[in-house]
């Protein structure tokens, strides 16, 4: 009987000593789940003709999130639902290159929004 009591006490103490006080609480986990659930995706494509334009800087102004387009001209954002300004840098529209080109976007929860931005490469 005494060995069983000692074993139980050791097990209880070991359990208490192994708890991590920095682990996220269930409250934080549920807040993250809500944030993911209430978000939508924004797919940005910068293109000229039939081809995407790589390495173009695009930004969500209100949040300060910046991406660069990939080799196919795409950049993907996962954003909370809301209204934002998408800013694309060094976009050619004829004449000198614009410092930036702004487009208003509205993100809805669980919806992928697509924005295409024309970049006239020979229009310098």
PDB file of N, CA and C in Angstrom:
ATOM      1  N   UNK A   1       0.816  -1.187   0.000  1.00  0.00           N
ATOM      2  CA  UNK A   1       0.000   0.000   0.000  1.00  0.00           C
ATOM      3  C   UNK A   1       0.867   1.261   0.000  1.00  0.00           C
ATOM      4  N   UNK A   2       1.924   1.229   0.806  1.00  0.00           N
ATOM      5  CA  UNK A   2       2.809   2.384   0.892  1.00  0.00           C
ATOM      6  C   UNK A   2       3.507   2.659  -0.453  1.00  0.00           C
ATOM      7  N   UNK A   3       4.008   1.655  -1.205  1.00  0.00           N
ATOM      8  CA  UNK A   3       4.631   1.933  -2.503  1.00  0.00           C
ATOM      9  C   UNK A   3       3.639   2.557  -3.497  1.00  0.00           C
ATOM     10  N   UNK A   4       2.385   2.154  -3.446  1.00  0.00           N
ATOM     11  CA  UNK A   4       1.375   2.723  -4.343  1.00  0.00           C
ATOM     12  C   UNK A   4       1.144   4.200  -4.028  1.00  0.00           C
ATOM     13  N   UNK A   5       1.108   4.547  -2.755  1.00  0.00           N
ATOM     14  CA  UNK A   5       0.926   5.937  -2.339  1.00  0.00           C
ATOM     15  C   UNK A   5       2.128   6.788  -2.762  1.00  0.00           C
ATOM     16  N   UNK A   6       3.330   6.273  -2.583  1.00  0.00           N
ATOM     17  CA  UNK A   6       4.542   6.995  -2.984  1.00  0.00           C
ATOM     18  C   UNK A   6       4.559   7.184  -4.498  1.00  0.00           C
ATOM     19  N   UNK A   7       4.210   6.159  -5.243  1.00  0.00           N
ATOM     20  CA  UNK A   7       4.169   6.240  -6.703  1.00  0.00           C
ATOM     21  C   UNK A   7       3.153   7.292  -7.156  1.00  0.00           C
ATOM     22  N   UNK A   8       1.981   7.311  -6.553  1.00  0.00           N
ATOM     23  CA  UNK A   8       0.938   8.276  -6.901  1.00  0.00           C
ATOM     24  C   UNK A   8       1.397   9.700  -6.605  1.00  0.00           C
ATOM     25  N   UNK A   9       2.044   9.892  -5.455  1.00  0.00           N
ATOM     26  CA  UNK A   9       2.538  11.225  -5.088  1.00  0.00           C
ATOM     27  C   UNK A   9       3.617  11.690  -6.078  1.00  0.00           C
ATOM     28  N   UNK A  10       4.532  10.792  -6.443  1.00  0.00           N
ATOM     29  CA  UNK A  10       5.596  11.137  -7.396  1.00  0.00           C
ATOM     30  C   UNK A  10       5.003  11.489  -8.756  1.00  0.00           C
ATOM     31  N   UNK A  11       4.012  10.734  -9.173  1.00  0.00           N
ATOM     32  CA  UNK A  11       3.358  10.986 -10.449  1.00  0.00           C
ATOM     33  C   UNK A  11       2.662  12.349 -10.441  1.00  0.00           C
ATOM     34  N   UNK A  12       1.994  12.686  -9.345  1.00  0.00           N
ATOM     35  CA  UNK A  12       1.315  13.976  -9.231  1.00  0.00           C
ATOM     36  C   UNK A  12       2.324  15.122  -9.262  1.00  0.00           C
ATOM     37  N   UNK A  13       3.416  14.986  -8.525  1.00  0.00           N
ATOM     38  CA  UNK A  13       4.439  16.033  -8.512  1.00  0.00           C
ATOM     39  C   UNK A  13       5.111  16.187  -9.873  1.00  0.00           C
ATOM     40  N   UNK A  14       5.349  15.079 -10.538  1.00  0.00           N
ATOM     41  CA  UNK A  14       5.948  15.122 -11.869  1.00  0.00           C
ATOM     42  C   UNK A  14       5.020  15.826 -12.856  1.00  0.00           C
ATOM     43  N   UNK A  15       3.744  15.542 -12.763  1.00  0.00           N
ATOM     44  CA  UNK A  15       2.767  16.181 -13.643  1.00  0.00           C
ATOM     45  C   UNK A  15       2.753  17.686 -13.426  1.00  0.00           C
ATOM     46  N   UNK A  16       2.752  18.116 -12.180  1.00  0.00           N
ATOM     47  CA  UNK A  16       2.744  19.549 -11.877  1.00  0.00           C
ATOM     48  C   UNK A  16       4.023  20.237 -12.334  1.00  0.00           C
ATOM     49  N   UNK A  17       5.146  19.574 -12.195  1.00  0.00           N
ATOM     50  CA  UNK A  17       6.415  20.202 -12.567  1.00  0.00           C
ATOM     51  C   UNK A  17       6.608  20.282 -14.075  1.00  0.00           C
ATOM     52  N   UNK A  18       5.896  19.476 -14.842  1.00  0.00           N
ATOM     53  CA  UNK A  18       6.075  19.455 -16.297  1.00  0.00           C
ATOM     54  C   UNK A  18       5.121  20.388 -17.029  1.00  0.00           C
ATOM     55  N   UNK A  19       4.235  21.064 -16.314  1.00  0.00           N
ATOM     56  CA  UNK A  19       3.310  21.965 -16.986  1.00  0.00           C
ATOM     57  C   UNK A  19       4.048  23.209 -17.451  1.00  0.00           C
ATOM     58  N   UNK A  20       3.722  23.652 -18.657  1.00  0.00           N
ATOM     59  CA  UNK A  20       4.373  24.817 -19.252  1.00  0.00           C
ATOM     60  C   UNK A  20       3.489  26.039 -19.054  1.00  0.00           C
ATOM     61  N   UNK A  21       3.975  27.000 -18.297  1.00  0.00           N
ATOM     62  CA  UNK A  21       3.182  28.206 -18.037  1.00  0.00           C
ATOM     63  C   UNK A  21       3.120  29.123 -19.254  1.00  0.00           C
ATOM     64  N   UNK A  22       3.979  28.891 -20.252  1.00  0.00           N
ATOM     65  CA  UNK A  22       3.964  29.740 -21.445  1.00  0.00           C
ATOM     66  C   UNK A  22       3.093  29.162 -22.550  1.00  0.00           C
ATOM     67  N   UNK A  23       2.504  28.005 -22.339  1.00  0.00           N
ATOM     68  CA  UNK A  23       1.648  27.408 -23.360  1.00  0.00           C
ATOM     69  C   UNK A  23       0.403  28.265 -23.534  1.00  0.00           C
ATOM     70  N   UNK A  24      -0.105  28.392 -24.760  1.00  0.00           N
ATOM     71  CA  UNK A  24      -1.289  29.214 -24.980  1.00  0.00           C
ATOM     72  C   UNK A  24      -2.501  28.608 -24.291  1.00  0.00           C
ATOM     73  N   UNK A  25      -3.324  29.465 -23.737  1.00  0.00           N
ATOM     74  CA  UNK A  25      -4.544  28.989 -23.087  1.00  0.00           C
ATOM     75  C   UNK A  25      -5.581  28.660 -24.143  1.00  0.00           C
ATOM     76  N   UNK A  26      -6.641  27.999 -23.742  1.00  0.00           N
ATOM     77  CA  UNK A  26      -7.694  27.660 -24.696  1.00  0.00           C
ATOM     78  C   UNK A  26      -8.393  28.918 -25.191  1.00  0.00           C
ATOM     79  N   UNK A  27      -8.383  29.980 -24.378  1.00  0.00           N
ATOM     80  CA  UNK A  27      -8.985  31.237 -24.800  1.00  0.00           C
ATOM     81  C   UNK A  27      -8.237  31.818 -25.992  1.00  0.00           C
ATOM     82  N   UNK A  28      -6.907  31.794 -25.963  1.00  0.00           N
ATOM     83  CA  UNK A  28      -6.101  32.281 -27.082  1.00  0.00           C
ATOM     84  C   UNK A  28      -6.342  31.427 -28.317  1.00  0.00           C
ATOM     85  N   UNK A  29      -6.411  30.120 -28.135  1.00  0.00           N
ATOM     86  CA  UNK A  29      -6.648  29.222 -29.259  1.00  0.00           C
ATOM     87  C   UNK A  29      -7.971  29.505 -29.937  1.00  0.00           C
ATOM     88  N   UNK A  30      -9.017  29.765 -29.154  1.00  0.00           N
ATOM     89  CA  UNK A  30     -10.317  30.035 -29.753  1.00  0.00           C
ATOM     90  C   UNK A  30     -10.312  31.379 -30.472  1.00  0.00           C
ATOM     91  N   UNK A  31      -9.562  32.360 -29.959  1.00  0.00           N
ATOM     92  CA  UNK A  31      -9.469  33.654 -30.635  1.00  0.00           C
ATOM     93  C   UNK A  31      -8.771  33.494 -31.979  1.00  0.00           C
ATOM     94  N   UNK A  32      -7.746  32.634 -32.029  1.00  0.00           N
ATOM     95  CA  UNK A  32      -7.062  32.392 -33.297  1.00  0.00           C
ATOM     96  C   UNK A  32      -8.000  31.711 -34.281  1.00  0.00           C
ATOM     97  N   UNK A  33      -8.822  30.783 -33.801  1.00  0.00           N
ATOM     98  CA  UNK A  33      -9.753  30.092 -34.685  1.00  0.00           C
ATOM     99  C   UNK A  33     -10.754  31.079 -35.271  1.00  0.00           C
ATOM    100  N   UNK A  34     -11.229  32.015 -34.464  1.00  0.00           N
ATOM    101  CA  UNK A  34     -12.161  33.019 -34.957  1.00  0.00           C
ATOM    102  C   UNK A  34     -11.482  33.901 -35.994  1.00  0.00           C
ATOM    103  N   UNK A  35     -10.233  34.303 -35.733  1.00  0.00           N
ATOM    104  CA  UNK A  35      -9.516  35.157 -36.678  1.00  0.00           C
ATOM    105  C   UNK A  35      -9.336  34.456 -38.017  1.00  0.00           C
ATOM    106  N   UNK A  36      -9.024  33.175 -37.993  1.00  0.00           N
ATOM    107  CA  UNK A  36      -8.867  32.422 -39.232  1.00  0.00           C
ATOM    108  C   UNK A  36     -10.210  32.284 -39.931  1.00  0.00           C
ATOM    109  N   UNK A  37     -11.262  32.026 -39.169  1.00  0.00           N
ATOM    110  CA  UNK A  37     -12.593  31.832 -39.741  1.00  0.00           C
ATOM    111  C   UNK A  37     -13.108  33.114 -40.381  1.00  0.00           C
ATOM    112  N   UNK A  38     -12.824  34.266 -39.761  1.00  0.00           N
ATOM    113  CA  UNK A  38     -13.328  35.545 -40.249  1.00  0.00           C
ATOM    114  C   UNK A  38     -12.425  36.182 -41.296  1.00  0.00           C
ATOM    115  N   UNK A  39     -11.479  35.445 -41.825  1.00  0.00           N
ATOM    116  CA  UNK A  39     -10.569  36.020 -42.808  1.00  0.00           C
ATOM    117  C   UNK A  39     -10.947  35.577 -44.215  1.00  0.00           C
ATOM    118  N   UNK A  40     -10.430  36.307 -45.171  1.00  0.00           N
ATOM    119  CA  UNK A  40     -10.604  35.966 -46.573  1.00  0.00           C
ATOM    120  C   UNK A  40      -9.259  36.061 -47.266  1.00  0.00           C
ATOM    121  N   UNK A  41      -9.219  35.639 -48.513  1.00  0.00           N
ATOM    122  CA  UNK A  41      -7.970  35.678 -49.272  1.00  0.00           C
ATOM    123  C   UNK A  41      -8.067  36.730 -50.366  1.00  0.00           C
ATOM    124  N   UNK A  42      -6.948  37.378 -50.604  1.00  0.00           N
ATOM    125  CA  UNK A  42      -6.824  38.324 -51.702  1.00  0.00           C
ATOM    126  C   UNK A  42      -5.716  37.817 -52.608  1.00  0.00           C
ATOM    127  N   UNK A  43      -6.074  37.496 -53.836  1.00  0.00           N
ATOM    128  CA  UNK A  43      -5.103  37.033 -54.822  1.00  0.00           C
ATOM    129  C   UNK A  43      -4.877  38.162 -55.820  1.00  0.00           C
ATOM    130  N   UNK A  44      -3.658  38.663 -55.862  1.00  0.00           N
ATOM    131  CA  UNK A  44      -3.298  39.779 -56.738  1.00  0.00           C
ATOM    132  C   UNK A  44      -2.474  39.232 -57.890  1.00  0.00           C
ATOM    133  N   UNK A  45      -2.814  39.668 -59.098  1.00  0.00           N
ATOM    134  CA  UNK A  45      -2.020  39.284 -60.271  1.00  0.00           C
ATOM    135  C   UNK A  45      -1.610  40.551 -61.000  1.00  0.00           C
ATOM    136  N   UNK A  46      -0.309  40.716 -61.199  1.00  0.00           N
ATOM    137  CA  UNK A  46       0.217  41.805 -62.019  1.00  0.00           C
ATOM    138  C   UNK A  46       0.630  41.161 -63.339  1.00  0.00           C
ATOM    139  N   UNK A  47       0.130  41.710 -64.452  1.00  0.00           N
ATOM    140  CA  UNK A  47       0.360  41.047 -65.739  1.00  0.00           C
ATOM    141  C   UNK A  47       0.600  42.055 -66.855  1.00  0.00           C
ATOM    142  N   UNK A  48       1.203  41.547 -67.930  1.00  0.00           N
ATOM    143  CA  UNK A  48       1.300  42.250 -69.198  1.00  0.00           C
ATOM    144  C   UNK A  48       1.054  41.211 -70.278  1.00  0.00           C
ATOM    145  N   UNK A  49       0.089  41.464 -71.138  1.00  0.00           N
ATOM    146  CA  UNK A  49      -0.273  40.482 -72.157  1.00  0.00           C
ATOM    147  C   UNK A  49      -0.796  39.222 -71.489  1.00  0.00           C
ATOM    148  N   UNK A  50      -0.251  38.087 -71.871  1.00  0.00           N
ATOM    149  CA  UNK A  50      -0.664  36.805 -71.294  1.00  0.00           C
ATOM    150  C   UNK A  50       0.254  36.339 -70.176  1.00  0.00           C
ATOM    151  N   UNK A  51       1.208  37.152 -69.781  1.00  0.00           N
ATOM    152  CA  UNK A  51       2.198  36.708 -68.798  1.00  0.00           C
ATOM    153  C   UNK A  51       2.163  37.551 -67.535  1.00  0.00           C
ATOM    154  N   UNK A  52       2.429  36.878 -66.417  1.00  0.00           N
ATOM    155  CA  UNK A  52       2.533  37.579 -65.146  1.00  0.00           C
ATOM    156  C   UNK A  52       3.857  38.318 -65.048  1.00  0.00           C
ATOM    157  N   UNK A  53       3.857  39.386 -64.272  1.00  0.00           N
ATOM    158  CA  UNK A  53       5.072  40.184 -64.077  1.00  0.00           C
ATOM    159  C   UNK A  53       5.622  39.863 -62.686  1.00  0.00           C
ATOM    160  N   UNK A  54       6.810  39.263 -62.612  1.00  0.00           N
ATOM    161  CA  UNK A  54       7.373  38.893 -61.305  1.00  0.00           C
ATOM    162  C   UNK A  54       7.999  40.080 -60.575  1.00  0.00           C
ATOM    163  N   UNK A  55       8.188  39.899 -59.281  1.00  0.00           N
ATOM    164  CA  UNK A  55       8.918  40.835 -58.414  1.00  0.00           C
ATOM    165  C   UNK A  55       8.311  42.233 -58.334  1.00  0.00           C
ATOM    166  N   UNK A  56       7.001  42.332 -58.479  1.00  0.00           N
ATOM    167  CA  UNK A  56       6.329  43.613 -58.255  1.00  0.00           C
ATOM    168  C   UNK A  56       5.898  43.672 -56.797  1.00  0.00           C
ATOM    169  N   UNK A  57       6.168  44.792 -56.157  1.00  0.00           N
ATOM    170  CA  UNK A  57       5.834  44.971 -54.740  1.00  0.00           C
ATOM    171  C   UNK A  57       4.378  45.409 -54.622  1.00  0.00           C
ATOM    172  N   UNK A  58       3.601  44.670 -53.812  1.00  0.00           N
ATOM    173  CA  UNK A  58       2.208  45.015 -53.540  1.00  0.00           C
ATOM    174  C   UNK A  58       2.016  45.066 -52.029  1.00  0.00           C
ATOM    175  N   UNK A  59       1.152  45.972 -51.577  1.00  0.00           N
ATOM    176  CA  UNK A  59       1.015  46.217 -50.143  1.00  0.00           C
ATOM    177  C   UNK A  59      -0.445  46.446 -49.775  1.00  0.00           C
ATOM    178  N   UNK A  60      -0.836  45.962 -48.603  1.00  0.00           N
ATOM    179  CA  UNK A  60      -2.109  46.332 -47.997  1.00  0.00           C
ATOM    180  C   UNK A  60      -1.780  47.520 -47.096  1.00  0.00           C
ATOM    181  N   UNK A  61      -2.179  48.708 -47.518  1.00  0.00           N
ATOM    182  CA  UNK A  61      -1.726  49.948 -46.882  1.00  0.00           C
ATOM    183  C   UNK A  61      -2.111  50.004 -45.405  1.00  0.00           C
ATOM    184  N   UNK A  62      -3.361  49.705 -45.089  1.00  0.00           N
ATOM    185  CA  UNK A  62      -3.846  49.850 -43.718  1.00  0.00           C
ATOM    186  C   UNK A  62      -3.138  48.922 -42.737  1.00  0.00           C
ATOM    187  N   UNK A  63      -2.687  47.768 -43.206  1.00  0.00           N
ATOM    188  CA  UNK A  63      -2.049  46.786 -42.325  1.00  0.00           C
ATOM    189  C   UNK A  63      -0.529  46.760 -42.471  1.00  0.00           C
ATOM    190  N   UNK A  64      -0.010  47.407 -43.504  1.00  0.00           N
ATOM    191  CA  UNK A  64       1.433  47.416 -43.721  1.00  0.00           C
ATOM    192  C   UNK A  64       1.996  46.067 -44.145  1.00  0.00           C
ATOM    193  N   UNK A  65       1.161  45.215 -44.728  1.00  0.00           N
ATOM    194  CA  UNK A  65       1.615  43.894 -45.178  1.00  0.00           C
ATOM    195  C   UNK A  65       2.091  44.017 -46.624  1.00  0.00           C
ATOM    196  N   UNK A  66       3.319  43.585 -46.873  1.00  0.00           N
ATOM    197  CA  UNK A  66       3.927  43.709 -48.199  1.00  0.00           C
ATOM    198  C   UNK A  66       4.257  42.323 -48.739  1.00  0.00           C
ATOM    199  N   UNK A  67       3.979  42.116 -50.008  1.00  0.00           N
ATOM    200  CA  UNK A  67       4.362  40.894 -50.713  1.00  0.00           C
ATOM    201  C   UNK A  67       4.997  41.305 -52.038  1.00  0.00           C
ATOM    202  N   UNK A  68       5.732  40.365 -52.639  1.00  0.00           N
ATOM    203  CA  UNK A  68       6.236  40.532 -54.007  1.00  0.00           C
ATOM    204  C   UNK A  68       5.593  39.454 -54.858  1.00  0.00           C
ATOM    205  N   UNK A  69       5.278  39.801 -56.097  1.00  0.00           N
ATOM    206  CA  UNK A  69       4.675  38.811 -56.976  1.00  0.00           C
ATOM    207  C   UNK A  69       5.693  37.720 -57.302  1.00  0.00           C
ATOM    208  N   UNK A  70       5.192  36.507 -57.463  1.00  0.00           N
ATOM    209  CA  UNK A  70       6.064  35.375 -57.773  1.00  0.00           C
ATOM    210  C   UNK A  70       6.382  35.342 -59.269  1.00  0.00           C
ATOM    211  N   UNK A  71       7.010  34.283 -59.727  1.00  0.00           N
ATOM    212  CA  UNK A  71       7.419  34.171 -61.134  1.00  0.00           C
ATOM    213  C   UNK A  71       6.236  34.239 -62.100  1.00  0.00           C
ATOM    214  N   UNK A  72       5.027  33.905 -61.625  1.00  0.00           N
ATOM    215  CA  UNK A  72       3.835  33.942 -62.471  1.00  0.00           C
ATOM    216  C   UNK A  72       3.049  35.243 -62.300  1.00  0.00           C
ATOM    217  N   UNK A  73       3.557  36.163 -61.474  1.00  0.00           N
ATOM    218  CA  UNK A  73       2.899  37.447 -61.288  1.00  0.00           C
ATOM    219  C   UNK A  73       1.864  37.488 -60.177  1.00  0.00           C
ATOM    220  N   UNK A  74       1.808  36.446 -59.339  1.00  0.00           N
ATOM    221  CA  UNK A  74       0.794  36.370 -58.281  1.00  0.00           C
ATOM    222  C   UNK A  74       1.373  36.683 -56.907  1.00  0.00           C
ATOM    223  N   UNK A  75       0.529  37.290 -56.068  1.00  0.00           N
ATOM    224  CA  UNK A  75       0.834  37.495 -54.650  1.00  0.00           C
ATOM    225  C   UNK A  75      -0.451  37.189 -53.881  1.00  0.00           C
ATOM    226  N   UNK A  76      -0.324  36.472 -52.772  1.00  0.00           N
ATOM    227  CA  UNK A  76      -1.491  36.059 -51.995  1.00  0.00           C
ATOM    228  C   UNK A  76      -1.433  36.669 -50.603  1.00  0.00           C
ATOM    229  N   UNK A  77      -2.561  37.227 -50.176  1.00  0.00           N
ATOM    230  CA  UNK A  77      -2.718  37.761 -48.828  1.00  0.00           C
ATOM    231  C   UNK A  77      -3.862  37.018 -48.150  1.00  0.00           C
ATOM    232  N   UNK A  78      -3.732  36.733 -46.869  1.00  0.00           N
ATOM    233  CA  UNK A  78      -4.833  36.253 -46.035  1.00  0.00           C
ATOM    234  C   UNK A  78      -5.108  37.379 -45.051  1.00  0.00           C
ATOM    235  N   UNK A  79      -6.336  37.937 -45.130  1.00  0.00           N
ATOM    236  CA  UNK A  79      -6.648  39.166 -44.401  1.00  0.00           C
ATOM    237  C   UNK A  79      -7.946  39.039 -43.624  1.00  0.00           C
ATOM    238  N   UNK A  80      -8.064  39.762 -42.520  1.00  0.00           N
ATOM    239  CA  UNK A  80      -9.352  39.832 -41.834  1.00  0.00           C
ATOM    240  C   UNK A  80     -10.377  40.502 -42.754  1.00  0.00           C
ATOM    241  N   UNK A  81     -11.631  40.121 -42.612  1.00  0.00           N
ATOM    242  CA  UNK A  81     -12.683  40.737 -43.419  1.00  0.00           C
ATOM    243  C   UNK A  81     -12.680  42.244 -43.191  1.00  0.00           C
ATOM    244  N   UNK A  82     -12.878  43.009 -44.271  1.00  0.00           N
ATOM    245  CA  UNK A  82     -12.896  44.466 -44.163  1.00  0.00           C
ATOM    246  C   UNK A  82     -12.544  45.122 -45.482  1.00  0.00           C
ATOM    247  N   UNK A  83     -12.467  46.444 -45.465  1.00  0.00           N
ATOM    248  CA  UNK A  83     -12.130  47.223 -46.659  1.00  0.00           C
ATOM    249  C   UNK A  83     -10.690  47.719 -46.536  1.00  0.00           C
ATOM    250  N   UNK A  84      -9.951  47.586 -47.627  1.00  0.00           N
ATOM    251  CA  UNK A  84      -8.528  47.926 -47.618  1.00  0.00           C
ATOM    252  C   UNK A  84      -8.145  48.641 -48.906  1.00  0.00           C
ATOM    253  N   UNK A  85      -6.930  49.180 -48.907  1.00  0.00           N
ATOM    254  CA  UNK A  85      -6.333  49.757 -50.102  1.00  0.00           C
ATOM    255  C   UNK A  85      -5.162  48.873 -50.506  1.00  0.00           C
ATOM    256  N   UNK A  86      -5.242  48.335 -51.723  1.00  0.00           N
ATOM    257  CA  UNK A  86      -4.138  47.557 -52.278  1.00  0.00           C
ATOM    258  C   UNK A  86      -3.268  48.527 -53.064  1.00  0.00           C
ATOM    259  N   UNK A  87      -2.005  48.590 -52.728  1.00  0.00           N
ATOM    260  CA  UNK A  87      -1.078  49.488 -53.405  1.00  0.00           C
ATOM    261  C   UNK A  87      -0.041  48.653 -54.151  1.00  0.00           C
ATOM    262  N   UNK A  88       0.080  48.899 -55.463  1.00  0.00           N
ATOM    263  CA  UNK A  88       1.095  48.243 -56.286  1.00  0.00           C
ATOM    264  C   UNK A  88       2.111  49.304 -56.691  1.00  0.00           C
ATOM    265  N   UNK A  89       3.377  48.965 -56.590  1.00  0.00           N
ATOM    266  CA  UNK A  89       4.448  49.923 -56.842  1.00  0.00           C
ATOM    267  C   UNK A  89       5.048  49.737 -58.228  1.00  0.00           C
ATOM    268  N   UNK A  90       5.489  50.863 -58.825  1.00  0.00           N
ATOM    269  CA  UNK A  90       6.176  50.895 -60.119  1.00  0.00           C
ATOM    270  C   UNK A  90       5.374  50.214 -61.221  1.00  0.00           C
ATOM    271  N   UNK A  91       4.119  50.632 -61.346  1.00  0.00           N
ATOM    272  CA  UNK A  91       3.235  50.115 -62.385  1.00  0.00           C
ATOM    273  C   UNK A  91       3.251  51.093 -63.553  1.00  0.00           C
ATOM    274  N   UNK A  92       3.480  50.581 -64.756  1.00  0.00           N
ATOM    275  CA  UNK A  92       3.518  51.409 -65.963  1.00  0.00           C
ATOM    276  C   UNK A  92       2.132  51.468 -66.586  1.00  0.00           C
ATOM    277  N   UNK A  93       1.646  52.689 -66.838  1.00  0.00           N
ATOM    278  CA  UNK A  93       0.347  52.898 -67.473  1.00  0.00           C
ATOM    279  C   UNK A  93       0.496  53.767 -68.718  1.00  0.00           C
ATOM    280  N   UNK A  94       1.690  53.903 -69.215  1.00  0.00           N
ATOM    281  CA  UNK A  94       1.961  54.827 -70.314  1.00  0.00           C
ATOM    282  C   UNK A  94       2.615  56.062 -69.726  1.00  0.00           C
ATOM    283  N   UNK A  95       3.670  56.518 -70.328  1.00  0.00           N
ATOM    284  CA  UNK A  95       4.412  57.632 -69.752  1.00  0.00           C
ATOM    285  C   UNK A  95       5.325  57.112 -68.661  1.00  0.00           C
ATOM    286  N   UNK A  96       5.768  57.998 -67.789  1.00  0.00           N
ATOM    287  CA  UNK A  96       6.671  57.533 -66.731  1.00  0.00           C
ATOM    288  C   UNK A  96       5.957  56.593 -65.765  1.00  0.00           C
ATOM    289  N   UNK A  97       6.706  55.733 -65.199  1.00  0.00           N
ATOM    290  CA  UNK A  97       6.187  54.752 -64.252  1.00  0.00           C
ATOM    291  C   UNK A  97       5.593  55.467 -63.041  1.00  0.00           C
ATOM    292  N   UNK A  98       4.416  55.010 -62.602  1.00  0.00           N
ATOM    293  CA  UNK A  98       3.787  55.589 -61.417  1.00  0.00           C
ATOM    294  C   UNK A  98       4.545  55.148 -60.173  1.00  0.00           C
ATOM    295  N   UNK A  99       4.617  56.028 -59.187  1.00  0.00           N
ATOM    296  CA  UNK A  99       5.238  55.629 -57.928  1.00  0.00           C
ATOM    297  C   UNK A  99       4.443  54.497 -57.294  1.00  0.00           C
ATOM    298  N   UNK A 100       3.117  54.622 -57.347  1.00  0.00           N
ATOM    299  CA  UNK A 100       2.254  53.541 -56.876  1.00  0.00           C
ATOM    300  C   UNK A 100       0.873  53.680 -57.501  1.00  0.00           C
ATOM    301  N   UNK A 101       0.156  52.577 -57.518  1.00  0.00           N
ATOM    302  CA  UNK A 101      -1.195  52.515 -58.068  1.00  0.00           C
ATOM    303  C   UNK A 101      -2.084  51.905 -56.993  1.00  0.00           C
ATOM    304  N   UNK A 102      -3.123  52.636 -56.550  1.00  0.00           N
ATOM    305  CA  UNK A 102      -3.997  52.179 -55.473  1.00  0.00           C
ATOM    306  C   UNK A 102      -5.305  51.622 -56.020  1.00  0.00           C
ATOM    307  N   UNK A 103      -5.757  50.534 -55.414  1.00  0.00           N
ATOM    308  CA  UNK A 103      -7.022  49.903 -55.759  1.00  0.00           C
ATOM    309  C   UNK A 103      -7.765  49.580 -54.470  1.00  0.00           C
ATOM    310  N   UNK A 104      -9.016  50.034 -54.332  1.00  0.00           N
ATOM    311  CA  UNK A 104      -9.777  49.642 -53.141  1.00  0.00           C
ATOM    312  C   UNK A 104     -10.230  48.188 -53.266  1.00  0.00           C
ATOM    313  N   UNK A 105     -10.139  47.446 -52.182  1.00  0.00           N
ATOM    314  CA  UNK A 105     -10.595  46.051 -52.172  1.00  0.00           C
ATOM    315  C   UNK A 105     -11.441  45.813 -50.929  1.00  0.00           C
ATOM    316  N   UNK A 106     -12.420  44.934 -51.081  1.00  0.00           N
ATOM    317  CA  UNK A 106     -13.263  44.549 -49.955  1.00  0.00           C
ATOM    318  C   UNK A 106     -13.089  43.051 -49.750  1.00  0.00           C
ATOM    319  N   UNK A 107     -12.677  42.658 -48.551  1.00  0.00           N
ATOM    320  CA  UNK A 107     -12.441  41.255 -48.223  1.00  0.00           C
ATOM    321  C   UNK A 107     -13.620  40.755 -47.403  1.00  0.00           C
ATOM    322  N   UNK A 108     -14.196  39.637 -47.843  1.00  0.00           N
ATOM    323  CA  UNK A 108     -15.284  38.994 -47.093  1.00  0.00           C
ATOM    324  C   UNK A 108     -14.778  37.677 -46.527  1.00  0.00           C
ATOM    325  N   UNK A 109     -15.316  37.297 -45.392  1.00  0.00           N
ATOM    326  CA  UNK A 109     -14.892  36.063 -44.721  1.00  0.00           C
ATOM    327  C   UNK A 109     -15.111  34.861 -45.630  1.00  0.00           C
ATOM    328  N   UNK A 110     -14.113  33.999 -45.699  1.00  0.00           N
ATOM    329  CA  UNK A 110     -14.157  32.739 -46.447  1.00  0.00           C
ATOM    330  C   UNK A 110     -14.365  32.914 -47.949  1.00  0.00           C
ATOM    331  N   UNK A 111     -13.980  34.056 -48.485  1.00  0.00           N
ATOM    332  CA  UNK A 111     -14.127  34.323 -49.916  1.00  0.00           C
ATOM    333  C   UNK A 111     -12.764  34.724 -50.469  1.00  0.00           C
ATOM    334  N   UNK A 112     -12.430  34.207 -51.659  1.00  0.00           N
ATOM    335  CA  UNK A 112     -11.187  34.610 -52.326  1.00  0.00           C
ATOM    336  C   UNK A 112     -11.518  35.736 -53.304  1.00  0.00           C
ATOM    337  N   UNK A 113     -10.912  36.889 -53.090  1.00  0.00           N
ATOM    338  CA  UNK A 113     -11.089  38.051 -53.953  1.00  0.00           C
ATOM    339  C   UNK A 113      -9.883  38.129 -54.881  1.00  0.00           C
ATOM    340  N   UNK A 114     -10.151  38.374 -56.156  1.00  0.00           N
ATOM    341  CA  UNK A 114      -9.069  38.461 -57.141  1.00  0.00           C
ATOM    342  C   UNK A 114      -8.981  39.883 -57.689  1.00  0.00           C
ATOM    343  N   UNK A 115      -7.759  40.366 -57.797  1.00  0.00           N
ATOM    344  CA  UNK A 115      -7.502  41.687 -58.382  1.00  0.00           C
ATOM    345  C   UNK A 115      -6.415  41.509 -59.428  1.00  0.00           C
ATOM    346  N   UNK A 116      -6.668  42.040 -60.627  1.00  0.00           N
ATOM    347  CA  UNK A 116      -5.667  41.998 -61.689  1.00  0.00           C
ATOM    348  C   UNK A 116      -5.215  43.418 -61.992  1.00  0.00           C
ATOM    349  N   UNK A 117      -3.913  43.602 -62.069  1.00  0.00           N
ATOM    350  CA  UNK A 117      -3.331  44.919 -62.321  1.00  0.00           C
ATOM    351  C   UNK A 117      -2.499  44.837 -63.594  1.00  0.00           C
ATOM    352  N   UNK A 118      -2.870  45.644 -64.572  1.00  0.00           N
ATOM    353  CA  UNK A 118      -2.162  45.681 -65.847  1.00  0.00           C
ATOM    354  C   UNK A 118      -0.905  46.528 -65.704  1.00  0.00           C
ATOM    355  N   UNK A 119       0.215  45.994 -66.155  1.00  0.00           N
ATOM    356  CA  UNK A 119       1.501  46.694 -66.119  1.00  0.00           C
ATOM    357  C   UNK A 119       2.058  46.714 -67.537  1.00  0.00           C
ATOM    358  N   UNK A 120       2.028  47.869 -68.174  1.00  0.00           N
ATOM    359  CA  UNK A 120       2.486  47.994 -69.559  1.00  0.00           C
ATOM    360  C   UNK A 120       4.010  48.085 -69.581  1.00  0.00           C
ATOM    361  N   UNK A 121       4.654  46.959 -69.760  1.00  0.00           N
ATOM    362  CA  UNK A 121       6.117  46.917 -69.701  1.00  0.00           C
ATOM    363  C   UNK A 121       6.809  47.796 -70.747  1.00  0.00           C
ATOM    364  N   UNK A 122       6.336  47.836 -72.021  1.00  0.00           N
ATOM    365  CA  UNK A 122       7.040  48.691 -72.988  1.00  0.00           C
ATOM    366  C   UNK A 122       6.660  50.170 -72.891  1.00  0.00           C
ATOM    367  N   UNK A 123       5.701  50.520 -72.037  1.00  0.00           N
ATOM    368  CA  UNK A 123       5.230  51.913 -71.933  1.00  0.00           C
ATOM    369  C   UNK A 123       6.081  52.712 -70.966  1.00  0.00           C
ATOM    370  N   UNK A 124       7.347  52.828 -71.223  1.00  0.00           N
ATOM    371  CA  UNK A 124       8.219  53.557 -70.295  1.00  0.00           C
ATOM    372  C   UNK A 124       8.534  54.921 -70.841  1.00  0.00           C
TER     373      UNK A 124
END
